[in-house]
Amino acid sequence: MADGEPSQSGRKRQVKTGVGTVTVNSKQAKKLGLKKGTQISPVISKCCWVLSANESYQQAEKDLELLTGIKVGHSSIHRLVGSIPVLQ
């Protein structure tokens, strides 16, 4: 990845990003800072958090798809919001 060549090692997974769904392997995911098992990029996660703060999870799902063209289910949005660490 660093020298322009795609890395072929590691298990591949689909990640929803701001530019669409991208296939990355575990080595690339680590370099990008994605947590193990994550299928949604940090940018899309942030969009989900912001949308769900002002409306229902179902409406956030619809608005996210309308704004970005990326579908993330309302249950996934609910799990994402529940995983935000509480600031003290």
Protein backbone atom coordinates (compact mmCIF):
# COMPACT_ATOMS: atom_id res chain seq x y z
CA MET A 1 0.00 0.00 0.00
CA ALA A 2 2.81 2.43 0.83
CA ASP A 3 4.64 1.96 -2.47
CA GLY A 4 1.55 2.02 -4.68
CA GLU A 5 1.19 -1.74 -4.81
CA PRO A 6 -1.96 -3.20 -3.26
CA SER A 7 -1.19 -5.50 -0.35
CA GLN A 8 -2.52 -9.02 -0.89
CA SER A 9 -2.02 -10.53 2.57
CA GLY A 10 -4.66 -10.96 5.24
CA ARG A 11 -8.37 -11.64 5.31
CA LYS A 12 -10.46 -9.34 3.12
CA ARG A 13 -13.57 -7.47 4.23
CA GLN A 14 -15.93 -4.85 2.89
CA VAL A 15 -15.90 -1.43 4.57
CA LYS A 16 -18.53 1.24 3.93
CA THR A 17 -16.73 4.55 3.40
CA GLY A 18 -17.55 8.06 2.25
CA VAL A 19 -16.66 7.06 -1.32
CA GLY A 20 -18.60 3.79 -1.33
CA THR A 21 -17.86 0.23 -0.30
CA VAL A 22 -14.16 -0.63 -0.37
CA THR A 23 -12.48 -4.02 0.01
CA VAL A 24 -9.53 -4.00 2.41
CA ASN A 25 -7.46 -6.77 3.93
CA SER A 26 -6.51 -6.96 7.59
CA LYS A 27 -3.10 -5.36 7.02
CA GLN A 28 -4.66 -2.37 5.22
CA ALA A 29 -7.37 -2.06 7.86
CA LYS A 30 -4.72 -1.87 10.56
CA LYS A 31 -2.86 0.89 8.67
CA LEU A 32 -6.13 2.80 8.27
CA GLY A 33 -6.88 2.51 11.98
CA LEU A 34 -10.02 0.40 11.60
CA LYS A 35 -10.96 -1.71 14.60
CA LYS A 36 -11.13 -5.47 14.14
CA GLY A 37 -14.48 -6.51 12.64
CA THR A 38 -15.54 -2.94 11.80
CA GLN A 39 -17.45 -2.64 8.54
CA ILE A 40 -18.16 1.09 8.72
CA SER A 41 -15.50 3.79 8.35
CA PRO A 42 -14.99 6.41 11.07
CA VAL A 43 -16.42 9.13 8.80
CA ILE A 44 -19.65 7.21 8.17
CA SER A 45 -19.84 6.39 11.89
CA LYS A 46 -19.63 10.09 12.70
CA CYS A 47 -22.40 10.84 10.18
CA CYS A 48 -24.56 8.19 11.89
CA TRP A 49 -23.89 9.74 15.31
CA VAL A 50 -24.80 13.24 14.16
CA LEU A 51 -27.96 12.19 12.31
CA SER A 52 -29.25 9.99 15.13
CA ALA A 53 -28.70 12.77 17.70
CA ASN A 54 -31.44 14.83 16.08
CA GLU A 55 -33.91 12.18 14.95
CA SER A 56 -34.91 8.52 15.21
CA TYR A 57 -32.59 5.73 14.11
CA GLN A 58 -34.98 4.85 11.28
CA GLN A 59 -34.96 8.43 10.00
CA ALA A 60 -31.16 8.61 10.38
CA GLU A 61 -30.92 5.48 8.19
CA LYS A 62 -33.02 7.12 5.47
CA ASP A 63 -31.20 10.46 5.68
CA LEU A 64 -27.76 8.83 5.56
CA GLU A 65 -28.71 6.95 2.40
CA LEU A 66 -30.17 10.11 0.87
CA LEU A 67 -27.11 12.23 1.68
CA THR A 68 -24.32 9.73 0.97
CA GLY A 69 -25.86 6.93 -1.08
CA ILE A 70 -24.64 4.46 1.56
CA LYS A 71 -27.12 2.24 3.36
CA VAL A 72 -26.51 1.51 7.03
CA GLY A 73 -29.36 -0.18 8.86
CA HIS A 74 -31.05 1.50 11.81
CA SER A 75 -29.97 -1.39 14.07
CA SER A 76 -26.34 -0.82 13.07
CA ILE A 77 -26.72 2.90 13.78
CA HIS A 78 -28.17 2.06 17.20
CA ARG A 79 -25.16 -0.18 17.98
CA LEU A 80 -22.74 2.53 16.81
CA VAL A 81 -24.34 5.16 19.01
CA GLY A 82 -24.30 2.77 21.97
CA SER A 83 -20.55 2.24 21.52
CA ILE A 84 -19.66 5.94 21.94
CA PRO A 85 -17.65 6.42 25.14
CA VAL A 86 -19.40 8.75 27.56
CA LEU A 87 -17.49 11.97 28.24
CA GLN A 88 -17.23 13.02 31.85
